[in-house]
N, C-alpha and C. Protein backbone atom coordinates (compact mmCIF):
# COMPACT_ATOMS: atom_id res chain seq x y z
N MET A 1 95.91 90.91 10.32
CA MET A 1 96.25 90.07 9.42
C MET A 1 95.30 90.05 7.87
N HIS A 2 96.00 89.85 6.84
CA HIS A 2 95.45 89.55 5.56
C HIS A 2 95.45 88.27 4.97
N ILE A 3 94.22 87.55 4.87
CA ILE A 3 93.81 86.44 4.05
C ILE A 3 93.43 86.56 2.90
N LEU A 4 93.94 85.76 1.86
CA LEU A 4 93.16 85.84 0.75
C LEU A 4 92.61 84.18 0.59
N ILE A 5 91.31 84.41 0.20
CA ILE A 5 90.83 82.89 -0.02
C ILE A 5 90.05 82.96 -1.52
N THR A 6 90.22 81.90 -1.95
CA THR A 6 89.51 81.66 -3.45
C THR A 6 88.25 80.56 -2.89
N GLY A 7 87.55 81.05 -3.97
CA GLY A 7 85.96 80.47 -3.78
C GLY A 7 85.36 81.14 -2.61
N ALA A 8 85.38 81.71 -2.65
CA ALA A 8 84.97 82.83 -1.25
C ALA A 8 83.45 83.06 -1.10
N ASN A 9 82.86 82.90 -2.45
CA ASN A 9 81.33 83.17 -2.26
C ASN A 9 80.16 82.43 -1.96
N ARG A 10 80.36 80.88 -1.70
CA ARG A 10 80.00 80.43 -1.13
C ARG A 10 80.32 78.91 -0.82
N GLY A 11 79.29 78.31 0.74
CA GLY A 11 79.61 77.43 1.28
C GLY A 11 80.52 77.57 2.51
N ILE A 12 81.73 76.62 2.75
CA ILE A 12 82.83 76.45 3.51
C ILE A 12 83.59 78.40 3.11
N GLY A 13 83.97 78.42 2.03
CA GLY A 13 84.73 80.00 1.69
C GLY A 13 84.14 80.92 2.20
N LYS A 14 83.34 80.85 2.12
CA LYS A 14 81.97 82.45 2.49
C LYS A 14 81.89 82.21 3.60
N GLU A 15 81.89 81.46 4.52
CA GLU A 15 81.45 81.69 6.03
C GLU A 15 83.15 81.21 7.03
N ILE A 16 84.18 81.20 6.22
CA ILE A 16 85.19 81.59 7.04
C ILE A 16 85.73 82.76 6.39
N SER A 17 85.41 83.10 5.28
CA SER A 17 85.51 84.91 4.75
C SER A 17 85.05 85.65 6.03
N ASN A 18 83.45 85.34 6.37
CA ASN A 18 82.79 86.15 6.92
C ASN A 18 83.17 86.11 8.56
N ARG A 19 83.95 85.10 8.90
CA ARG A 19 84.34 84.85 10.46
C ARG A 19 85.84 85.57 10.63
N TYR A 20 86.62 85.62 9.34
CA TYR A 20 87.85 86.27 9.45
C TYR A 20 87.59 88.05 9.28
N ARG A 21 86.64 88.25 8.67
CA ARG A 21 86.51 89.83 8.69
C ARG A 21 85.53 90.18 10.08
N ALA A 22 84.44 89.39 10.48
CA ALA A 22 84.13 89.87 11.70
C ALA A 22 85.29 89.96 12.82
N ASP A 23 86.33 89.28 12.85
CA ASP A 23 87.34 89.39 13.85
C ASP A 23 88.44 90.13 13.63
N GLY A 24 87.86 91.32 12.43
CA GLY A 24 89.05 92.65 12.15
C GLY A 24 90.29 92.45 11.35
N HIS A 25 89.89 91.16 10.64
CA HIS A 25 91.09 90.89 9.79
C HIS A 25 90.90 91.29 8.27
N THR A 26 91.70 91.70 7.59
CA THR A 26 91.40 92.26 5.90
C THR A 26 91.51 91.04 5.31
N VAL A 27 90.36 90.47 4.34
CA VAL A 27 90.00 89.25 3.66
C VAL A 27 89.69 89.87 2.14
N THR A 28 90.74 89.31 1.36
CA THR A 28 90.22 89.36 -0.41
C THR A 28 89.57 88.10 -0.47
N GLY A 29 88.42 88.19 -1.28
CA GLY A 29 88.03 87.10 -1.52
C GLY A 29 87.90 86.95 -3.35
N THR A 30 87.94 85.85 -3.30
CA THR A 30 88.24 85.71 -5.11
C THR A 30 86.83 84.48 -5.03
N ALA A 31 86.26 84.78 -6.38
CA ALA A 31 84.92 84.04 -7.13
C ALA A 31 85.20 84.32 -8.56
N ARG A 32 84.68 83.64 -9.18
CA ARG A 32 84.72 83.31 -10.83
C ARG A 32 83.68 83.93 -11.31
N ASP A 33 82.63 84.35 -10.76
CA ASP A 33 81.36 84.98 -10.82
C ASP A 33 81.54 86.72 -10.38
N GLY A 34 82.75 87.06 -10.31
CA GLY A 34 82.47 88.42 -9.84
C GLY A 34 81.79 88.99 -8.73
N SER A 35 81.82 88.07 -8.00
CA SER A 35 80.78 88.92 -6.89
C SER A 35 81.64 89.01 -5.78
N GLU A 36 82.70 88.62 -5.50
CA GLU A 36 83.96 89.50 -4.63
C GLU A 36 85.43 89.78 -5.09
N THR A 37 86.20 90.36 -4.17
CA THR A 37 86.78 91.52 -4.48
C THR A 37 87.61 91.57 -5.82
N VAL A 38 88.27 90.15 -6.04
CA VAL A 38 88.91 89.74 -6.99
C VAL A 38 87.85 88.68 -7.84
N THR A 39 87.81 88.85 -9.06
CA THR A 39 87.30 87.71 -10.07
C THR A 39 88.63 86.97 -10.32
N LEU A 40 88.29 85.47 -9.90
CA LEU A 40 89.25 84.72 -10.65
C LEU A 40 88.94 83.33 -10.77
N ASP A 41 88.43 82.70 -11.96
CA ASP A 41 88.61 81.59 -12.48
C ASP A 41 89.82 80.90 -12.34
N VAL A 42 90.13 80.25 -11.30
CA VAL A 42 91.31 79.63 -11.18
C VAL A 42 91.89 78.98 -12.13
N THR A 43 90.74 78.43 -13.07
CA THR A 43 91.63 77.54 -14.42
C THR A 43 92.45 78.84 -15.35
N ASP A 44 92.01 79.94 -15.37
CA ASP A 44 92.25 81.06 -16.16
C ASP A 44 93.58 81.68 -16.04
N PRO A 45 94.79 81.22 -16.58
CA PRO A 45 96.02 81.78 -16.26
C PRO A 45 96.41 83.24 -16.52
N ALA A 46 95.35 83.95 -17.38
CA ALA A 46 95.18 85.18 -17.72
C ALA A 46 94.60 86.07 -16.42
N GLN A 47 93.52 85.32 -15.85
CA GLN A 47 92.81 85.75 -14.81
C GLN A 47 93.76 85.82 -13.61
N HIS A 48 95.02 84.85 -13.27
CA HIS A 48 95.60 84.89 -12.16
C HIS A 48 96.57 85.87 -12.61
N ARG A 49 97.04 86.31 -13.62
CA ARG A 49 97.79 87.17 -14.08
C ARG A 49 97.65 88.66 -13.70
N ALA A 50 95.97 88.48 -13.93
CA ALA A 50 95.31 90.29 -13.55
C ALA A 50 95.63 90.46 -11.95
N MET A 51 94.99 89.09 -11.38
CA MET A 51 95.00 89.16 -9.86
C MET A 51 96.32 89.48 -9.67
N ALA A 52 97.75 88.85 -9.80
CA ALA A 52 98.74 89.34 -9.42
C ALA A 52 99.02 90.97 -9.64
N GLU A 53 98.38 91.67 -10.63
CA GLU A 53 98.76 92.84 -10.52
C GLU A 53 97.94 93.75 -9.78
N GLN A 54 96.60 93.22 -9.32
CA GLN A 54 95.78 93.62 -8.66
C GLN A 54 96.54 93.09 -6.93
N MET A 55 97.34 92.58 -6.76
CA MET A 55 97.64 92.32 -5.48
C MET A 55 99.30 92.75 -5.27
N LEU A 56 99.78 93.54 -6.19
CA LEU A 56 100.98 93.93 -6.19
C LEU A 56 101.59 94.77 -4.88
N GLY A 57 102.50 94.34 -4.11
CA GLY A 57 102.85 94.91 -3.32
C GLY A 57 101.84 94.80 -2.08
N LYS A 58 101.00 93.79 -1.86
CA LYS A 58 100.20 93.81 -0.80
C LYS A 58 100.57 92.50 -0.10
N PRO A 59 100.95 92.33 1.06
CA PRO A 59 101.39 91.06 2.08
C PRO A 59 100.01 90.17 2.08
N VAL A 60 100.20 88.97 1.97
CA VAL A 60 99.38 88.18 2.28
C VAL A 60 99.88 87.53 3.45
N ASP A 61 99.08 87.28 4.19
CA ASP A 61 99.61 86.44 5.79
C ASP A 61 99.09 84.98 5.46
N LEU A 62 97.88 84.78 4.93
CA LEU A 62 97.23 83.54 4.90
C LEU A 62 96.61 83.32 3.31
N LEU A 63 97.13 82.31 2.68
CA LEU A 63 96.32 81.56 1.41
C LEU A 63 95.73 80.72 1.72
N ILE A 64 94.23 80.84 1.31
CA ILE A 64 93.26 79.85 1.48
C ILE A 64 92.91 79.28 0.01
N CYS A 65 93.17 78.27 -0.58
CA CYS A 65 93.04 77.66 -1.63
C CYS A 65 91.69 76.59 -1.56
N ASN A 66 91.03 77.37 -1.45
CA ASN A 66 89.60 76.45 -1.23
C ASN A 66 88.66 76.41 -2.52
N ALA A 67 89.29 76.91 -3.64
CA ALA A 67 88.30 76.75 -4.90
C ALA A 67 88.12 75.58 -5.18
N GLY A 68 87.09 74.92 -5.55
CA GLY A 68 87.23 73.55 -6.52
C GLY A 68 85.46 72.95 -6.80
N VAL A 69 85.86 72.25 -7.57
CA VAL A 69 84.90 71.38 -8.41
C VAL A 69 84.80 69.98 -8.19
N TYR A 70 83.59 69.72 -8.12
CA TYR A 70 83.18 67.67 -7.81
C TYR A 70 82.15 67.79 -8.88
N LEU A 71 82.34 67.43 -10.18
CA LEU A 71 82.00 67.57 -11.30
C LEU A 71 81.23 65.63 -11.48
N ASP A 72 81.81 65.01 -11.35
CA ASP A 72 81.61 63.50 -11.41
C ASP A 72 80.58 62.54 -10.50
N LYS A 73 80.11 63.40 -9.21
CA LYS A 73 79.38 62.96 -8.23
C LYS A 73 78.32 62.19 -9.06
N GLY A 74 78.41 60.98 -8.72
CA GLY A 74 77.04 60.04 -9.48
C GLY A 74 76.99 59.26 -10.59
N GLN A 75 78.54 59.82 -11.16
CA GLN A 75 78.86 59.27 -12.71
C GLN A 75 78.87 57.58 -12.52
N GLY A 76 78.24 56.88 -13.37
CA GLY A 76 78.43 55.60 -13.46
C GLY A 76 79.40 55.02 -14.13
N PRO A 77 79.57 53.80 -14.14
CA PRO A 77 80.62 52.79 -14.94
C PRO A 77 81.26 53.65 -16.15
N ASP A 78 80.12 54.02 -17.09
CA ASP A 78 80.31 54.04 -18.19
C ASP A 78 80.33 55.47 -18.56
N GLY A 79 80.44 56.27 -17.28
CA GLY A 79 80.51 57.90 -17.33
C GLY A 79 82.42 58.52 -17.27
N TYR A 80 82.06 59.15 -16.74
CA TYR A 80 83.56 59.92 -16.27
C TYR A 80 84.37 60.42 -17.69
N PRO A 81 83.35 61.22 -18.24
CA PRO A 81 84.38 61.73 -19.80
C PRO A 81 85.68 62.14 -19.35
N ALA A 82 86.21 62.19 -20.94
CA ALA A 82 87.60 63.17 -20.65
C ALA A 82 87.61 64.37 -20.45
N GLU A 83 86.76 65.15 -20.70
CA GLU A 83 86.65 66.60 -20.66
C GLU A 83 86.29 66.84 -19.28
N MET A 84 85.57 65.84 -18.48
CA MET A 84 85.52 65.88 -16.74
C MET A 84 86.32 65.79 -16.32
N TRP A 85 87.25 65.16 -16.68
CA TRP A 85 88.82 65.06 -16.07
C TRP A 85 89.29 66.18 -15.94
N ALA A 86 89.72 66.77 -17.38
CA ALA A 86 90.40 68.10 -17.89
C ALA A 86 90.04 69.28 -17.04
N GLN A 87 88.44 69.39 -16.98
CA GLN A 87 87.97 70.29 -16.03
C GLN A 87 88.42 70.05 -14.39
N THR A 88 87.89 69.04 -14.32
CA THR A 88 88.24 68.81 -12.70
C THR A 88 89.75 69.08 -12.39
N PHE A 89 90.56 68.74 -13.11
CA PHE A 89 92.18 68.68 -12.64
C PHE A 89 92.46 70.30 -12.88
N ALA A 90 91.77 70.93 -13.92
CA ALA A 90 92.26 72.12 -13.83
C ALA A 90 91.96 73.31 -13.08
N ALA A 91 90.78 72.87 -12.41
CA ALA A 91 90.26 73.66 -11.20
C ALA A 91 90.76 73.04 -9.60
N ASN A 92 91.00 71.39 -9.59
CA ASN A 92 91.58 71.14 -8.24
C ASN A 92 92.77 71.23 -8.17
N VAL A 93 93.57 70.96 -8.91
CA VAL A 93 95.03 70.95 -8.53
C VAL A 93 95.97 72.26 -9.68
N THR A 94 95.67 72.20 -11.02
CA THR A 94 96.37 73.14 -11.52
C THR A 94 96.14 74.63 -11.12
N GLY A 95 94.62 74.85 -10.69
CA GLY A 95 94.29 76.00 -9.61
C GLY A 95 95.27 76.26 -9.14
N VAL A 96 95.10 75.53 -8.07
CA VAL A 96 95.94 75.58 -6.47
C VAL A 96 97.10 75.95 -6.93
N PHE A 97 98.07 75.18 -7.94
CA PHE A 97 99.62 76.01 -7.99
C PHE A 97 99.21 76.78 -8.91
N LEU A 98 98.82 77.41 -9.73
CA LEU A 98 98.49 79.01 -10.38
C LEU A 98 98.46 79.73 -9.15
N THR A 99 97.44 79.58 -8.34
CA THR A 99 96.78 80.80 -7.20
C THR A 99 98.50 80.67 -6.43
N VAL A 100 98.99 79.56 -5.96
CA VAL A 100 100.14 80.05 -5.19
C VAL A 100 101.21 80.53 -5.79
N GLN A 101 101.43 80.09 -7.42
CA GLN A 101 102.33 80.93 -8.04
C GLN A 101 102.29 82.54 -8.12
N ALA A 102 100.98 82.68 -8.50
CA ALA A 102 100.54 84.38 -8.56
C ALA A 102 101.15 84.82 -7.87
N LEU A 103 100.75 84.35 -6.49
CA LEU A 103 100.44 84.98 -5.02
C LEU A 103 102.15 85.02 -4.69
N MET A 104 103.43 84.40 -5.14
CA MET A 104 104.27 84.08 -4.42
C MET A 104 105.12 85.22 -3.64
N PRO A 105 105.16 86.45 -4.23
CA PRO A 105 105.65 87.53 -4.26
C PRO A 105 105.03 88.43 -2.65
N ASN A 106 103.38 88.16 -2.76
CA ASN A 106 102.74 88.51 -1.53
C ASN A 106 103.17 87.92 -0.29
N LEU A 107 103.17 86.43 -0.77
CA LEU A 107 103.34 85.40 0.57
C LEU A 107 104.88 86.09 1.06
N GLU A 108 106.08 86.30 0.40
CA GLU A 108 107.12 86.53 0.70
C GLU A 108 106.98 88.05 1.41
N LEU A 109 106.08 88.84 0.96
CA LEU A 109 106.25 89.70 1.45
C LEU A 109 106.02 89.80 3.16
N ALA A 110 105.29 88.96 3.55
CA ALA A 110 104.26 88.67 4.85
C ALA A 110 105.59 87.66 5.40
N LYS A 111 105.67 88.49 6.77
CA LYS A 111 106.52 87.38 8.03
C LYS A 111 105.47 86.25 8.29
N GLY A 112 106.52 84.89 8.26
CA GLY A 112 105.79 83.73 8.48
C GLY A 112 104.38 83.87 7.96
N ALA A 113 104.47 83.88 6.59
CA ALA A 113 103.15 83.40 5.70
C ALA A 113 102.76 82.05 5.95
N ARG A 114 101.39 81.56 5.56
CA ARG A 114 100.99 80.34 5.59
C ARG A 114 100.07 80.05 4.57
N ILE A 115 99.89 79.12 3.82
CA ILE A 115 98.98 78.59 2.64
C ILE A 115 98.34 77.40 3.49
N ALA A 116 97.15 77.26 3.00
CA ALA A 116 96.05 76.41 3.43
C ALA A 116 95.34 75.73 2.12
N ILE A 117 95.52 74.64 2.29
CA ILE A 117 95.06 73.87 0.97
C ILE A 117 93.72 73.17 1.20
N ILE A 118 93.08 73.30 0.91
CA ILE A 118 91.51 72.29 1.37
C ILE A 118 91.49 70.98 -0.02
N SER A 119 91.98 69.93 0.58
CA SER A 119 91.95 68.22 -0.14
C SER A 119 90.44 68.17 0.31
N SER A 120 90.76 66.52 0.77
CA SER A 120 89.69 66.14 1.29
C SER A 120 89.98 64.61 1.46
N GLN A 121 89.22 63.70 2.70
CA GLN A 121 89.53 62.61 3.18
C GLN A 121 89.80 61.45 2.03
N MET A 122 88.86 62.13 0.54
CA MET A 122 88.85 61.42 -0.12
C MET A 122 90.07 61.48 -1.05
N ALA A 123 90.85 62.19 -0.96
CA ALA A 123 92.10 62.17 -1.56
C ALA A 123 93.02 61.09 -0.71
N SER A 124 93.07 60.47 0.45
CA SER A 124 93.70 59.14 1.09
C SER A 124 93.50 57.79 0.55
N HIS A 125 94.88 57.41 0.02
CA HIS A 125 94.64 55.78 -0.35
C HIS A 125 93.99 54.94 0.90
N THR A 126 94.32 55.27 1.93
CA THR A 126 93.44 54.54 3.28
C THR A 126 91.82 54.79 3.10
N ARG A 127 91.16 55.47 2.19
CA ARG A 127 90.09 55.27 1.87
C ARG A 127 89.66 55.17 0.50
N ALA A 128 89.37 54.01 0.14
CA ALA A 128 89.23 54.11 -1.28
C ALA A 128 88.10 53.27 -1.95
N PRO A 129 86.38 53.55 -1.08
CA PRO A 129 85.79 52.79 -1.33
C PRO A 129 85.07 52.38 -2.84
N GLY A 130 85.71 53.11 -3.39
CA GLY A 130 85.28 53.05 -5.27
C GLY A 130 84.24 54.56 -5.59
N GLY A 131 84.02 54.71 -6.82
CA GLY A 131 83.56 55.49 -7.16
C GLY A 131 84.50 57.19 -7.40
N SER A 132 83.74 58.07 -7.76
CA SER A 132 84.19 59.56 -7.62
C SER A 132 85.61 59.49 -8.29
N TYR A 133 85.85 58.55 -9.01
CA TYR A 133 87.52 58.30 -9.48
C TYR A 133 88.00 59.75 -9.49
N ILE A 134 87.31 60.61 -10.59
CA ILE A 134 87.90 61.92 -10.64
C ILE A 134 88.27 62.91 -9.59
N TYR A 135 87.06 62.95 -8.81
CA TYR A 135 87.36 63.82 -7.67
C TYR A 135 88.53 63.57 -6.75
N ARG A 136 88.64 62.29 -6.49
CA ARG A 136 89.62 61.43 -5.83
C ARG A 136 90.75 61.99 -6.14
N ALA A 137 91.07 61.51 -7.44
CA ALA A 137 92.13 61.69 -7.79
C ALA A 137 92.46 63.06 -7.96
N SER A 138 91.72 64.12 -8.17
CA SER A 138 92.29 65.27 -7.68
C SER A 138 92.68 65.72 -6.63
N LYS A 139 92.23 65.59 -5.27
CA LYS A 139 92.28 65.66 -3.96
C LYS A 139 93.35 64.88 -3.98
N ALA A 140 93.62 63.74 -4.21
CA ALA A 140 95.03 63.10 -3.79
C ALA A 140 96.15 64.04 -4.83
N ALA A 141 95.97 64.20 -6.09
CA ALA A 141 96.98 65.25 -6.57
C ALA A 141 97.32 66.69 -5.53
N ALA A 142 96.29 66.90 -5.58
CA ALA A 142 96.23 68.79 -4.55
C ALA A 142 97.01 68.48 -3.23
N LEU A 143 96.95 67.06 -2.58
CA LEU A 143 97.55 66.94 -1.37
C LEU A 143 98.84 66.40 -1.70
N ASN A 144 99.05 65.35 -2.89
CA ASN A 144 100.35 65.70 -3.34
C ASN A 144 101.36 67.15 -3.41
N LEU A 145 100.41 67.80 -4.17
CA LEU A 145 101.37 68.85 -4.32
C LEU A 145 101.30 69.94 -2.97
N GLY A 146 100.60 69.80 -2.42
CA GLY A 146 100.77 70.52 -1.00
C GLY A 146 101.96 69.72 -0.57
N ARG A 147 102.51 68.44 -0.28
CA ARG A 147 103.57 67.87 0.30
C ARG A 147 104.98 68.67 -0.10
N ASN A 148 104.58 68.58 -1.44
CA ASN A 148 105.82 69.05 -2.31
C ASN A 148 105.94 70.67 -1.86
N LEU A 149 105.32 71.15 -2.13
CA LEU A 149 105.46 72.44 -2.34
C LEU A 149 105.87 72.99 -0.22
N SER A 150 105.40 72.28 0.76
CA SER A 150 105.87 72.35 2.15
C SER A 150 107.48 72.15 1.96
N SER A 151 107.83 71.01 1.33
CA SER A 151 109.53 71.03 1.17
C SER A 151 110.52 71.94 0.33
N ASP A 152 109.55 72.65 -0.78
CA ASP A 152 110.25 73.90 -1.50
C ASP A 152 110.04 74.90 -0.66
N LEU A 153 109.47 75.42 0.15
CA LEU A 153 109.01 76.42 0.55
C LEU A 153 109.82 76.67 2.60
N LYS A 154 110.13 75.60 2.57
CA LYS A 154 110.62 75.79 4.38
C LYS A 154 111.99 76.90 3.83
N SER A 155 112.65 76.82 2.90
CA SER A 155 113.47 77.91 2.93
C SER A 155 113.12 78.87 2.75
N LYS A 156 111.95 79.67 2.55
CA LYS A 156 111.33 80.88 2.44
C LYS A 156 110.57 81.00 4.09
N GLY A 157 110.61 80.34 4.65
CA GLY A 157 109.70 80.25 5.94
C GLY A 157 108.00 80.32 5.67
N ILE A 158 107.31 79.64 4.87
CA ILE A 158 106.39 79.65 4.42
C ILE A 158 105.96 78.40 4.70
N ALA A 159 104.89 78.16 5.48
CA ALA A 159 104.36 76.92 5.91
C ALA A 159 103.20 76.75 5.30
N VAL A 160 102.99 75.22 4.67
CA VAL A 160 101.94 74.59 3.86
C VAL A 160 100.91 73.58 4.53
N GLY A 161 99.79 73.62 4.70
CA GLY A 161 99.05 72.41 5.30
C GLY A 161 98.03 72.30 4.53
N ILE A 162 97.83 71.34 4.74
CA ILE A 162 96.49 70.34 3.55
C ILE A 162 95.52 69.82 4.44
N TYR A 163 94.31 70.52 4.18
CA TYR A 163 92.99 69.91 4.97
C TYR A 163 91.95 68.76 4.72
N HIS A 164 91.38 68.40 5.44
CA HIS A 164 90.10 67.69 5.15
C HIS A 164 88.98 68.57 6.04
N PRO A 165 88.12 68.88 5.25
CA PRO A 165 86.94 70.27 5.81
C PRO A 165 85.52 69.41 6.51
N GLY A 166 85.93 68.32 6.49
CA GLY A 166 84.93 67.21 7.01
C GLY A 166 83.48 67.12 5.92
N TRP A 167 82.98 66.31 6.12
CA TRP A 167 81.78 65.88 5.04
C TRP A 167 80.92 67.02 5.35
N VAL A 168 80.94 68.18 4.93
CA VAL A 168 79.83 69.58 5.00
C VAL A 168 78.64 69.68 4.45
N ARG A 169 77.85 69.73 4.96
CA ARG A 169 76.38 69.76 4.59
C ARG A 169 76.36 71.39 3.46
N THR A 170 76.82 71.32 2.63
CA THR A 170 76.98 72.30 1.32
C THR A 170 76.29 72.00 0.14
N ASP A 171 76.48 72.48 -1.05
CA ASP A 171 75.93 72.51 -2.36
C ASP A 171 76.90 71.30 -3.13
N MET A 172 77.83 71.80 -2.60
CA MET A 172 78.91 70.42 -3.03
C MET A 172 78.87 68.88 -2.17
N GLY A 173 78.69 69.29 -0.69
CA GLY A 173 78.79 68.17 0.11
C GLY A 173 77.38 67.02 0.21
N GLY A 174 76.37 68.03 -0.22
CA GLY A 174 75.35 67.60 -0.38
C GLY A 174 74.37 67.24 0.97
N ALA A 175 73.16 67.39 1.35
CA ALA A 175 72.46 67.33 2.50
C ALA A 175 72.56 66.27 3.50
N GLU A 176 73.02 65.07 2.95
CA GLU A 176 73.49 64.04 4.29
C GLU A 176 74.78 64.38 4.75
N GLY A 177 75.83 65.36 4.91
CA GLY A 177 76.62 65.98 5.35
C GLY A 177 76.57 64.84 6.67
N ASP A 178 77.91 65.28 7.54
CA ASP A 178 78.23 64.93 8.57
C ASP A 178 77.82 66.33 9.81
N ILE A 179 78.83 67.51 8.91
CA ILE A 179 78.65 68.71 9.92
C ILE A 179 78.11 69.93 9.37
N SER A 180 77.83 70.79 10.12
CA SER A 180 77.37 71.91 9.27
C SER A 180 78.70 72.99 8.66
N VAL A 181 78.31 73.76 8.20
CA VAL A 181 79.16 74.86 7.47
C VAL A 181 79.90 75.46 8.63
N ASP A 182 79.06 75.93 9.66
CA ASP A 182 79.50 76.73 10.81
C ASP A 182 80.80 75.66 11.73
N GLU A 183 80.44 74.51 11.33
CA GLU A 183 81.72 73.93 12.56
C GLU A 183 82.73 73.82 11.67
N ALA A 184 82.26 73.51 10.10
CA ALA A 184 83.77 73.04 9.58
C ALA A 184 84.74 74.52 9.39
N ALA A 185 83.93 75.68 9.29
CA ALA A 185 84.63 76.97 9.12
C ALA A 185 85.34 76.76 10.40
N GLU A 186 84.78 77.07 11.92
CA GLU A 186 85.42 76.95 13.10
C GLU A 186 86.13 76.28 13.46
N GLY A 187 86.41 75.08 12.78
CA GLY A 187 87.33 74.06 12.87
C GLY A 187 88.89 74.43 11.99
N LEU A 188 88.38 74.81 10.85
CA LEU A 188 89.27 75.01 9.84
C LEU A 188 89.96 76.31 10.23
N ILE A 189 89.42 77.07 10.58
CA ILE A 189 90.19 78.37 11.48
C ILE A 189 91.25 78.14 12.49
N ALA A 190 90.88 77.22 13.23
CA ALA A 190 91.64 76.97 14.43
C ALA A 190 92.92 76.06 13.45
N ARG A 191 92.50 75.39 12.72
CA ARG A 191 93.78 74.39 12.22
C ARG A 191 94.88 75.42 11.60
N PHE A 192 94.18 76.66 10.89
CA PHE A 192 95.16 77.17 10.09
C PHE A 192 95.82 78.31 11.10
N ALA A 193 95.41 78.51 12.11
CA ALA A 193 95.88 79.13 12.97
C ALA A 193 97.20 78.36 13.80
N GLU A 194 97.01 77.00 13.84
CA GLU A 194 98.25 76.37 14.37
C GLU A 194 99.45 75.87 13.68
N LEU A 195 99.10 76.20 12.17
CA LEU A 195 100.19 76.07 11.26
C LEU A 195 101.45 76.68 11.90
N ASP A 196 102.33 75.91 11.27
CA ASP A 196 103.76 77.09 11.37
C ASP A 196 104.48 76.11 10.74
N MET A 197 105.74 76.47 11.20
CA MET A 197 106.92 75.67 10.19
C MET A 197 107.37 74.12 10.90
N ALA A 198 106.86 74.19 11.87
CA ALA A 198 107.18 72.77 12.90
C ALA A 198 106.04 71.87 12.33
N SER A 199 105.03 72.21 11.63
CA SER A 199 103.82 71.06 11.59
C SER A 199 103.68 71.65 9.51
N THR A 200 104.51 72.09 8.96
CA THR A 200 104.39 72.06 7.56
C THR A 200 104.53 70.96 7.00
N GLY A 201 103.33 70.65 5.87
CA GLY A 201 103.63 69.61 5.15
C GLY A 201 102.34 68.24 5.80
N CYS A 202 101.61 68.99 6.68
CA CYS A 202 100.86 68.40 7.48
C CYS A 202 99.00 68.06 6.91
N PHE A 203 98.72 66.91 7.14
CA PHE A 203 97.76 66.83 6.32
C PHE A 203 96.51 66.41 7.56
N LYS A 204 95.27 67.32 8.04
CA LYS A 204 94.89 67.14 9.14
C LYS A 204 93.41 67.02 8.58
N THR A 205 92.30 66.90 9.66
CA THR A 205 90.98 67.02 9.70
C THR A 205 90.66 68.20 10.10
N TRP A 206 89.52 68.69 10.01
CA TRP A 206 88.98 70.02 10.30
C TRP A 206 88.85 69.75 11.81
N ASP A 207 88.68 68.87 12.15
CA ASP A 207 88.68 69.11 14.14
C ASP A 207 90.09 68.65 14.62
N GLY A 208 91.39 68.63 14.09
CA GLY A 208 92.43 68.29 14.35
C GLY A 208 93.01 67.15 14.33
N ARG A 209 92.73 66.20 13.66
CA ARG A 209 93.46 65.04 13.71
C ARG A 209 94.21 64.60 12.55
N ASP A 210 95.56 64.18 12.51
CA ASP A 210 96.21 63.83 11.71
C ASP A 210 95.83 62.69 10.74
N HIS A 211 95.67 63.32 9.29
CA HIS A 211 94.90 62.27 8.34
C HIS A 211 95.94 61.46 7.77
N ALA A 212 95.64 60.41 7.58
CA ALA A 212 96.73 59.05 6.91
C ALA A 212 96.73 59.62 5.60
N TYR A 213 97.86 59.63 5.09
CA TYR A 213 98.20 59.97 3.53
C TYR A 213 97.66 58.83 2.57
């Protein structure tokens, strides 16, 4: 199986990549700092075009859209500048779409390809405790994008799942997180393996529970 994962140079992305490689799968990782197989800033259309050229003719069985940012953590009522909104949506929403768009030929080459979009429970309207307005809105948009992609890609036989990775102890999640990177990666890999056309459009937690939209 050939897996391509964005944001593979740290945190959950790195652990997932390592586990798939250890299991004998071919993994193409991307990172904006050039430390992975493909250099990709998901906000840069030119780099997406370069990736598409680099991946020409290579089937991708599983695309994991993991790259993302959380820039507004700790912002106060007078914070949340417009540029922060633009940067966050460019990475967390537009970046997901551009990745899927660039790799669609590769997904179509694979039989029964799957797309996994890492969103967050913070995307759900059922969890609205306030704060983190930009991150929450961007992850809600990523959830909406995944749901709509799942409808449009049914005819191509490509399943799309959206996932909450848990509150993970990473640089993004912070030291107070509920679970370790190992737990999150193990759970997510199990969820990706379950994804099929019968479950396309699902929004699930890392440990297999259906999450409210």
